[in-house]
Amino acid sequence: MQPKSKAVNAFFIFAFILTTLSYSDILTPYVRNHIVRPYSLKALPSFITWLIICVQIYRRQFLRIEDPRKLFVRATDVEKENKTI
């Protein structure tokens, strides 16, 4: 997962509103008929997300894990930690 930021949260809200709520009754009929449908704004957040992923792959902006061995925890390690606590 990428670090959380205000820009990511704002984009998530923008994407949620346009992709899931654009054809519901939450948006007014005027906005739906004169803005969302003519400009096909329902596809815009998906396209922007795709562009962001492509740029991050190109720039190699991946979330780095310091020690990959920490991802895999053995049952014996968990039991040892429980005994020490």
Protein backbone atom coordinates (compact mmCIF):
# COMPACT_ATOMS: atom_id res chain seq x y z
CA MET A 1 0.00 0.00 0.00
CA GLN A 2 1.13 3.51 -0.72
CA PRO A 3 1.43 6.09 2.06
CA LYS A 4 -1.80 7.94 2.77
CA SER A 5 -2.06 11.60 1.88
CA LYS A 6 -4.74 14.22 1.43
CA ALA A 7 -4.36 14.07 -2.36
CA VAL A 8 -4.95 10.31 -2.41
CA ASN A 9 -8.01 10.65 -0.17
CA ALA A 10 -9.41 13.48 -2.30
CA PHE A 11 -8.89 11.47 -5.48
CA PHE A 12 -10.56 8.43 -3.89
CA ILE A 13 -13.63 10.50 -2.99
CA PHE A 14 -13.68 12.05 -6.49
CA ALA A 15 -13.42 8.60 -8.10
CA PHE A 16 -16.11 7.15 -5.83
CA ILE A 17 -18.56 9.95 -6.60
CA LEU A 18 -18.06 9.85 -10.35
CA THR A 19 -17.91 6.09 -10.86
CA THR A 20 -20.56 4.84 -8.46
CA LEU A 21 -22.84 7.75 -7.74
CA SER A 22 -22.94 9.51 -11.11
CA TYR A 23 -26.02 7.64 -12.33
CA SER A 24 -27.81 7.50 -8.99
CA ASP A 25 -30.30 9.94 -7.51
CA ILE A 26 -27.65 11.54 -5.31
CA LEU A 27 -26.48 13.78 -8.17
CA THR A 28 -29.09 16.10 -9.55
CA PRO A 29 -30.59 15.30 -12.95
CA TYR A 30 -29.08 18.49 -14.37
CA VAL A 31 -25.54 17.46 -13.42
CA ARG A 32 -26.14 13.91 -14.63
CA ASN A 33 -27.65 14.93 -17.99
CA HIS A 34 -25.56 17.99 -18.82
CA ILE A 35 -22.14 17.19 -17.35
CA VAL A 36 -21.60 13.50 -16.59
CA ARG A 37 -23.19 11.84 -19.62
CA PRO A 38 -22.05 14.20 -22.43
CA TYR A 39 -18.43 14.18 -21.29
CA SER A 40 -18.38 10.50 -20.20
CA LEU A 41 -16.98 11.45 -16.81
CA LYS A 42 -17.68 8.01 -15.39
CA ALA A 43 -14.54 6.68 -17.11
CA LEU A 44 -12.31 9.60 -16.06
CA PRO A 45 -11.26 8.34 -12.58
CA SER A 46 -10.39 4.91 -13.97
CA PHE A 47 -8.29 6.48 -16.71
CA ILE A 48 -6.49 8.74 -14.22
CA THR A 49 -5.82 5.77 -11.94
CA TRP A 50 -4.37 3.85 -14.88
CA LEU A 51 -2.12 6.80 -15.77
CA ILE A 52 -0.89 7.11 -12.17
CA ILE A 53 -0.04 3.40 -12.08
CA CYS A 54 1.82 3.64 -15.41
CA VAL A 55 3.85 6.65 -14.20
CA GLN A 56 4.70 4.93 -10.92
CA ILE A 57 5.86 1.83 -12.76
CA TYR A 58 7.92 3.92 -15.18
CA ARG A 59 9.56 5.86 -12.33
CA ARG A 60 9.87 2.68 -10.23
CA GLN A 61 7.99 4.25 -7.32
CA PHE A 62 7.19 1.05 -5.50
CA LEU A 63 6.66 0.66 -1.80
CA ARG A 64 9.88 -0.86 -0.52
CA ILE A 65 10.02 -3.37 2.30
CA GLU A 66 13.22 -3.27 4.32
CA ASP A 67 13.29 -6.95 5.25
CA PRO A 68 11.11 -9.23 3.09
CA ARG A 69 11.50 -12.03 5.65
CA LYS A 70 9.24 -10.04 7.99
CA LEU A 71 6.32 -10.71 5.66
CA PHE A 72 6.27 -14.40 6.47
CA VAL A 73 5.75 -15.24 10.11
CA ARG A 74 6.06 -18.81 11.32
CA ALA A 75 3.68 -20.22 13.90
CA THR A 76 6.60 -20.91 16.25
CA ASP A 77 7.59 -17.22 16.15
CA VAL A 78 4.07 -16.18 17.10
CA GLU A 79 4.04 -18.67 19.99
CA LYS A 80 7.39 -17.31 21.23
CA GLU A 81 6.07 -13.75 21.13
CA ASN A 82 2.92 -14.76 23.01
CA LYS A 83 4.98 -16.45 25.73
CA THR A 84 7.18 -13.38 26.22
CA ILE A 85 4.20 -11.07 26.58
